[in-house]
C-alpha cells in the first residue's frame, strides 16, 4: 500500500472508528452481540436481495 493510500485511509477511517465507538459506548456487551447479529443478518439479506434484483441465483 502506498503512503498516500495509508494517509487517505487514516483520514477517512479514524474519525469513523471514533464515531462508531462513541455511538456504541452506551450498549452492554450482550446488546452489542445482538446488534452485531442483526447487522450480519441485514447485510446478508441485502446481498441476497441485490442478487435477486440482478436476476442472479440466490447465494
Protein backbone atom coordinates (compact mmCIF):
# COMPACT_ATOMS: atom_id res chain seq x y z
CA UNK A 1 0.00 0.00 0.00
CA UNK A 2 1.31 3.43 -0.86
CA UNK A 3 1.98 6.17 1.67
CA UNK A 4 -0.80 8.24 0.11
CA UNK A 5 -3.26 5.35 0.46
CA UNK A 6 -2.31 4.88 4.10
CA UNK A 7 -2.75 8.58 4.77
CA UNK A 8 -6.09 8.74 2.98
CA UNK A 9 -7.36 5.64 4.75
CA UNK A 10 -6.32 7.01 8.10
CA UNK A 11 -8.02 10.35 7.47
CA UNK A 12 -11.23 8.62 6.39
CA UNK A 13 -11.48 5.73 8.81
CA UNK A 14 -10.00 7.08 12.06
CA UNK A 15 -12.87 9.56 12.52
CA UNK A 16 -15.38 6.85 11.59
CA UNK A 17 -13.89 4.48 14.17
CA UNK A 18 -14.12 7.17 16.85
CA UNK A 19 -17.72 7.99 15.99
CA UNK A 20 -18.78 4.34 15.93
CA UNK A 21 -17.05 3.71 19.25
CA UNK A 22 -18.93 6.67 20.74
CA UNK A 23 -22.23 5.51 19.24
CA UNK A 24 -21.82 2.02 20.71
CA UNK A 25 -20.38 3.03 24.08
CA UNK A 26 -23.76 3.05 25.82
CA UNK A 27 -24.57 -0.56 24.97
CA UNK A 28 -23.78 -3.59 27.10
CA UNK A 29 -21.74 -6.49 25.68
CA UNK A 30 -24.92 -8.55 25.25
CA UNK A 31 -26.61 -5.68 23.42
CA UNK A 32 -23.55 -5.32 21.16
CA UNK A 33 -23.79 -9.05 20.43
CA UNK A 34 -27.46 -8.66 19.50
CA UNK A 35 -26.74 -5.63 17.30
CA UNK A 36 -23.85 -7.46 15.61
CA UNK A 37 -26.07 -10.45 14.86
CA UNK A 38 -28.75 -8.16 13.43
CA UNK A 39 -26.22 -6.32 11.25
CA UNK A 40 -24.84 -9.62 9.88
CA UNK A 41 -28.36 -10.79 9.02
CA UNK A 42 -29.37 -7.47 7.44
CA UNK A 43 -26.15 -7.44 5.41
CA UNK A 44 -26.78 -11.00 4.19
CA UNK A 45 -30.38 -10.11 3.32
CA UNK A 46 -29.17 -7.06 1.38
CA UNK A 47 -26.72 -9.18 -0.61
CA UNK A 48 -29.46 -11.73 -1.36
CA UNK A 49 -31.93 -9.05 -2.46
CA UNK A 50 -29.32 -7.48 -4.73
CA UNK A 51 -28.60 -10.84 -6.35
CA UNK A 52 -32.31 -11.42 -6.90
CA UNK A 53 -32.80 -7.91 -8.33
CA UNK A 54 -29.97 -8.52 -10.78
CA UNK A 55 -31.52 -11.81 -11.86
CA UNK A 56 -28.82 -13.98 -10.39
CA UNK A 57 -29.30 -17.06 -8.28
CA UNK A 58 -29.53 -16.61 -4.50
CA UNK A 59 -26.28 -17.43 -2.74
